[in-house]
């Protein structure tokens, strides 16, 4: 047996070892990238959760304001109806005042 086949086999094994190291480094790089993407996804989810919470709070404030506005409109409508009901009485009182003034003059 000559040293040449052993030497050749040793060189092939060294090349395989170097390739495996390279692949291992590439795999670690991919793992790091995936972890980075995972962190960004988690951050994005947190921001979405915060945005959703602000939207819900805003909707609650809007619903409360609309409810208050509806109550105010109802009160105003009632007041206007009451004023409409007294208008004939006010007009009659004004006529009576004019009549009384004319008698006193």
N, C-alpha and C. Protein backbone atom coordinates (compact mmCIF):
# COMPACT_ATOMS: atom_id res chain seq x y z
N UNK A 1 0.83 -1.19 0.00
CA UNK A 1 0.00 0.00 0.00
C UNK A 1 0.86 1.24 0.00
N UNK A 2 0.46 2.15 -0.82
CA UNK A 2 1.26 3.36 -0.87
C UNK A 2 0.63 4.43 -0.02
N UNK A 3 1.38 5.44 0.26
CA UNK A 3 0.89 6.55 1.06
C UNK A 3 -0.06 7.44 0.28
N UNK A 4 -0.05 7.30 -1.03
CA UNK A 4 -0.88 8.17 -1.86
C UNK A 4 -2.37 7.96 -1.63
N UNK A 5 -2.93 6.75 -1.58
CA UNK A 5 -4.35 6.59 -1.32
C UNK A 5 -4.74 7.09 0.07
N UNK A 6 -3.88 6.85 1.06
CA UNK A 6 -4.17 7.31 2.41
C UNK A 6 -4.16 8.84 2.42
N UNK A 7 -3.18 9.42 1.78
CA UNK A 7 -3.07 10.86 1.71
C UNK A 7 -4.26 11.46 0.97
N UNK A 8 -4.67 10.82 -0.11
CA UNK A 8 -5.82 11.28 -0.87
C UNK A 8 -7.10 11.17 -0.04
N UNK A 9 -7.26 10.06 0.66
CA UNK A 9 -8.42 9.87 1.53
C UNK A 9 -8.43 10.92 2.63
N UNK A 10 -7.25 11.19 3.17
CA UNK A 10 -7.15 12.19 4.22
C UNK A 10 -7.54 13.57 3.70
N UNK A 11 -7.13 13.90 2.52
CA UNK A 11 -7.49 15.19 1.91
C UNK A 11 -8.99 15.28 1.67
N UNK A 12 -9.58 14.19 1.18
CA UNK A 12 -11.02 14.17 0.94
C UNK A 12 -11.77 14.35 2.25
N UNK A 13 -11.31 13.67 3.29
CA UNK A 13 -11.94 13.80 4.60
C UNK A 13 -11.81 15.22 5.14
N UNK A 14 -10.67 15.85 4.93
CA UNK A 14 -10.47 17.22 5.37
C UNK A 14 -11.42 18.17 4.62
N UNK A 15 -11.59 17.95 3.34
CA UNK A 15 -12.50 18.77 2.55
C UNK A 15 -13.94 18.59 3.03
N UNK A 16 -14.30 17.34 3.32
CA UNK A 16 -15.65 17.07 3.83
C UNK A 16 -15.84 17.78 5.17
N UNK A 17 -14.81 17.69 6.04
CA UNK A 17 -14.88 18.36 7.34
C UNK A 17 -15.07 19.87 7.16
N UNK A 18 -14.32 20.47 6.25
CA UNK A 18 -14.42 21.91 6.01
C UNK A 18 -15.80 22.28 5.47
N UNK A 19 -16.32 21.44 4.57
CA UNK A 19 -17.67 21.69 4.04
C UNK A 19 -18.72 21.61 5.14
N UNK A 20 -18.58 20.61 6.01
CA UNK A 20 -19.53 20.46 7.12
C UNK A 20 -19.47 21.68 8.02
N UNK A 21 -18.27 22.18 8.29
CA UNK A 21 -18.15 23.39 9.10
C UNK A 21 -18.85 24.57 8.42
N UNK A 22 -18.66 24.69 7.12
CA UNK A 22 -19.30 25.76 6.37
C UNK A 22 -20.82 25.66 6.43
N UNK A 23 -21.31 24.43 6.26
CA UNK A 23 -22.76 24.23 6.32
C UNK A 23 -23.25 24.54 7.73
N UNK A 24 -22.51 24.14 8.74
CA UNK A 24 -22.89 24.41 10.13
C UNK A 24 -22.96 25.93 10.36
N UNK A 25 -21.99 26.67 9.84
CA UNK A 25 -22.01 28.13 9.99
C UNK A 25 -23.22 28.73 9.26
N UNK A 26 -23.52 28.22 8.09
CA UNK A 26 -24.69 28.71 7.34
C UNK A 26 -25.99 28.43 8.10
N UNK A 27 -26.08 27.23 8.65
CA UNK A 27 -27.27 26.86 9.42
C UNK A 27 -27.41 27.78 10.63
N UNK A 28 -26.31 28.06 11.30
CA UNK A 28 -26.36 28.97 12.45
C UNK A 28 -26.79 30.37 12.01
N UNK A 29 -26.32 30.80 10.86
CA UNK A 29 -26.75 32.10 10.33
C UNK A 29 -28.24 32.13 10.06
N UNK A 30 -28.75 31.04 9.49
CA UNK A 30 -30.19 30.96 9.23
C UNK A 30 -30.95 30.95 10.55
N UNK A 31 -30.47 30.22 11.54
CA UNK A 31 -31.12 30.22 12.86
C UNK A 31 -31.18 31.63 13.44
N UNK A 32 -30.06 32.34 13.33
CA UNK A 32 -30.02 33.71 13.86
C UNK A 32 -31.04 34.60 13.14
N UNK A 33 -31.12 34.45 11.82
CA UNK A 33 -32.08 35.24 11.06
C UNK A 33 -33.52 34.90 11.46
N UNK A 34 -33.80 33.61 11.64
CA UNK A 34 -35.15 33.18 12.03
C UNK A 34 -35.48 33.73 13.41
N UNK A 35 -34.52 33.70 14.32
CA UNK A 35 -34.77 34.26 15.65
C UNK A 35 -35.04 35.77 15.56
N UNK A 36 -34.29 36.45 14.69
CA UNK A 36 -34.52 37.88 14.50
C UNK A 36 -35.91 38.16 13.96
N UNK A 37 -36.33 37.34 13.00
CA UNK A 37 -37.68 37.49 12.44
C UNK A 37 -38.72 37.22 13.52
N UNK A 38 -38.49 36.20 14.33
CA UNK A 38 -39.41 35.88 15.41
C UNK A 38 -39.55 37.03 16.39
N UNK A 39 -38.43 37.68 16.71
CA UNK A 39 -38.48 38.83 17.62
C UNK A 39 -39.27 39.97 17.00
N UNK A 40 -39.06 40.20 15.70
CA UNK A 40 -39.80 41.28 15.02
C UNK A 40 -41.29 40.95 14.97
N UNK A 41 -41.61 39.68 14.77
CA UNK A 41 -43.03 39.28 14.76
C UNK A 41 -43.64 39.51 16.15
N UNK A 42 -42.90 39.15 17.20
CA UNK A 42 -43.39 39.38 18.56
C UNK A 42 -43.60 40.87 18.82
N UNK A 43 -42.65 41.70 18.39
CA UNK A 43 -42.78 43.15 18.57
C UNK A 43 -43.98 43.69 17.79
N UNK A 44 -44.16 43.19 16.58
CA UNK A 44 -45.29 43.62 15.77
C UNK A 44 -46.61 43.21 16.43
N UNK A 45 -46.66 42.00 16.96
CA UNK A 45 -47.87 41.54 17.66
C UNK A 45 -48.16 42.40 18.87
N UNK A 46 -47.12 42.79 19.60
CA UNK A 46 -47.33 43.66 20.76
C UNK A 46 -47.88 45.01 20.33
N UNK A 47 -47.34 45.55 19.24
CA UNK A 47 -47.84 46.85 18.75
C UNK A 47 -49.29 46.71 18.27
N UNK A 48 -49.61 45.60 17.62
CA UNK A 48 -50.99 45.38 17.19
C UNK A 48 -51.93 45.26 18.37
N UNK A 49 -51.49 44.55 19.40
CA UNK A 49 -52.31 44.43 20.60
C UNK A 49 -52.56 45.80 21.23
N UNK A 50 -51.52 46.62 21.29
CA UNK A 50 -51.67 47.97 21.87
C UNK A 50 -52.61 48.81 20.99
N UNK A 51 -52.47 48.70 19.68
CA UNK A 51 -53.35 49.44 18.77
C UNK A 51 -54.79 48.98 18.93
N UNK A 52 -54.99 47.68 19.01
CA UNK A 52 -56.35 47.15 19.21
C UNK A 52 -56.95 47.66 20.51
N UNK A 53 -56.14 47.71 21.56
CA UNK A 53 -56.63 48.21 22.85
C UNK A 53 -57.03 49.68 22.73
N UNK A 54 -56.21 50.48 22.03
CA UNK A 54 -56.56 51.89 21.86
C UNK A 54 -57.83 52.04 21.04
N UNK A 55 -58.01 51.19 20.04
CA UNK A 55 -59.24 51.25 19.22
C UNK A 55 -60.46 50.93 20.08
N UNK A 56 -60.35 49.90 20.91
CA UNK A 56 -61.48 49.53 21.79
C UNK A 56 -61.80 50.68 22.73
N UNK A 57 -60.76 51.27 23.33
CA UNK A 57 -60.98 52.40 24.24
C UNK A 57 -61.63 53.56 23.51
N UNK A 58 -61.19 53.82 22.30
CA UNK A 58 -61.76 54.90 21.50
C UNK A 58 -63.23 54.62 21.17
N UNK A 59 -63.53 53.37 20.83
CA UNK A 59 -64.91 53.00 20.53
C UNK A 59 -65.80 53.16 21.76
N UNK A 60 -65.27 52.83 22.91
CA UNK A 60 -66.05 52.99 24.15
C UNK A 60 -66.32 54.47 24.40
N UNK A 61 -65.28 55.31 24.22
CA UNK A 61 -65.49 56.76 24.42
C UNK A 61 -66.50 57.30 23.41
N UNK A 62 -66.41 56.84 22.16
CA UNK A 62 -67.35 57.29 21.13
C UNK A 62 -68.77 56.85 21.47
N UNK A 63 -68.93 55.62 21.87
CA UNK A 63 -70.27 55.11 22.22
C UNK A 63 -70.85 55.89 23.40
N UNK A 64 -70.00 56.19 24.38
CA UNK A 64 -70.46 56.97 25.53
C UNK A 64 -70.89 58.36 25.09
N UNK A 65 -70.10 58.99 24.24
CA UNK A 65 -70.44 60.34 23.76
C UNK A 65 -71.73 60.31 22.95
N UNK A 66 -71.92 59.29 22.13
CA UNK A 66 -73.15 59.20 21.33
C UNK A 66 -74.36 59.00 22.25
N UNK A 67 -74.20 58.18 23.28
CA UNK A 67 -75.29 57.96 24.23
C UNK A 67 -75.65 59.26 24.94
N UNK A 68 -74.63 60.00 25.37
CA UNK A 68 -74.88 61.30 26.03
C UNK A 68 -75.56 62.27 25.07
N UNK A 69 -75.09 62.28 23.83
CA UNK A 69 -75.68 63.17 22.82
C UNK A 69 -77.14 62.82 22.58
N UNK A 70 -77.43 61.53 22.51
CA UNK A 70 -78.82 61.10 22.30
C UNK A 70 -79.69 61.56 23.47
N UNK A 71 -79.17 61.46 24.70
CA UNK A 71 -79.92 61.94 25.86
C UNK A 71 -80.15 63.44 25.79
N UNK A 72 -79.12 64.19 25.38
CA UNK A 72 -79.26 65.64 25.26
C UNK A 72 -80.28 66.02 24.19
N UNK A 73 -80.26 65.31 23.08
CA UNK A 73 -81.23 65.59 22.01
C UNK A 73 -82.65 65.31 22.51
N UNK A 74 -82.81 64.22 23.25
CA UNK A 74 -84.13 63.89 23.80
C UNK A 74 -84.60 64.98 24.75
N UNK A 75 -83.69 65.44 25.64
CA UNK A 75 -84.05 66.51 26.57
C UNK A 75 -84.42 67.79 25.82
N UNK A 76 -83.65 68.11 24.80
CA UNK A 76 -83.92 69.32 24.00
C UNK A 76 -85.26 69.20 23.27
N UNK A 77 -85.54 68.04 22.74
CA UNK A 77 -86.82 67.81 22.06
C UNK A 77 -87.98 67.99 23.04
N UNK A 78 -87.82 67.45 24.22
CA UNK A 78 -88.86 67.60 25.25
C UNK A 78 -89.05 69.07 25.60
N UNK A 79 -87.95 69.80 25.76
CA UNK A 79 -88.03 71.22 26.09
C UNK A 79 -88.73 72.00 24.98
N UNK A 80 -88.37 71.70 23.74
CA UNK A 80 -89.00 72.40 22.62
C UNK A 80 -90.50 72.10 22.54
N UNK A 81 -90.87 70.87 22.83
CA UNK A 81 -92.30 70.52 22.84
C UNK A 81 -93.03 71.28 23.93
N UNK A 82 -92.40 71.39 25.10
CA UNK A 82 -93.02 72.12 26.20
C UNK A 82 -93.19 73.60 25.84
N UNK A 83 -92.17 74.15 25.19
CA UNK A 83 -92.27 75.55 24.78
C UNK A 83 -93.38 75.73 23.76
N UNK A 84 -93.53 74.77 22.88
CA UNK A 84 -94.61 74.83 21.89
C UNK A 84 -95.96 74.75 22.57
N UNK A 85 -96.03 73.99 23.65
CA UNK A 85 -97.29 73.86 24.39
C UNK A 85 -97.66 75.16 25.11
N UNK A 86 -96.64 75.91 25.57
CA UNK A 86 -96.95 77.15 26.30
C UNK A 86 -97.12 78.35 25.39
N UNK A 87 -96.71 78.24 24.17
CA UNK A 87 -96.76 79.38 23.25
C UNK A 87 -98.16 80.01 23.17
N UNK A 88 -99.21 79.22 23.01
CA UNK A 88 -100.54 79.86 22.96
C UNK A 88 -100.85 80.62 24.25
N UNK A 89 -100.45 80.08 25.39
CA UNK A 89 -100.70 80.78 26.66
C UNK A 89 -99.93 82.08 26.74
N UNK A 90 -98.65 82.07 26.26
CA UNK A 90 -97.84 83.29 26.26
C UNK A 90 -98.47 84.33 25.34
N UNK A 91 -98.90 83.90 24.19
CA UNK A 91 -99.55 84.84 23.26
C UNK A 91 -100.81 85.44 23.87
N UNK A 92 -101.58 84.61 24.57
CA UNK A 92 -102.80 85.12 25.23
C UNK A 92 -102.44 86.11 26.32
N UNK A 93 -101.39 85.81 27.08
CA UNK A 93 -100.95 86.73 28.13
C UNK A 93 -100.51 88.06 27.54
N UNK A 94 -99.79 88.02 26.44
CA UNK A 94 -99.35 89.25 25.78
C UNK A 94 -100.55 90.07 25.30
N UNK A 95 -101.54 89.41 24.77
CA UNK A 95 -102.76 90.12 24.35
C UNK A 95 -103.46 90.75 25.55
N UNK A 96 -103.52 89.98 26.66
CA UNK A 96 -104.15 90.50 27.87
C UNK A 96 -103.40 91.72 28.39
N UNK A 97 -102.07 91.69 28.35
CA UNK A 97 -101.27 92.82 28.81
C UNK A 97 -101.55 94.05 27.94
N UNK A 98 -101.61 93.85 26.65
CA UNK A 98 -101.90 94.97 25.74
C UNK A 98 -103.29 95.55 26.04
N UNK A 99 -104.24 94.67 26.28
CA UNK A 99 -105.59 95.11 26.60
C UNK A 99 -105.64 95.88 27.91
N UNK A 100 -104.96 95.37 28.93
CA UNK A 100 -104.93 96.04 30.23
C UNK A 100 -104.25 97.40 30.09
N UNK A 101 -103.18 97.49 29.36
CA UNK A 101 -102.48 98.76 29.16
C UNK A 101 -103.39 99.77 28.47
N UNK A 102 -104.12 99.28 27.50
CA UNK A 102 -104.99 100.19 26.79
C UNK A 102 -106.10 100.70 27.72
N UNK A 103 -106.59 99.88 28.64
CA UNK A 103 -107.62 100.32 29.60
C UNK A 103 -107.04 101.33 30.58
N UNK A 104 -105.80 101.13 30.96
CA UNK A 104 -105.18 102.00 31.96
C UNK A 104 -104.78 103.34 31.33
N UNK A 105 -104.62 103.40 30.10
CA UNK A 105 -104.17 104.64 29.47
C UNK A 105 -105.27 105.64 29.31
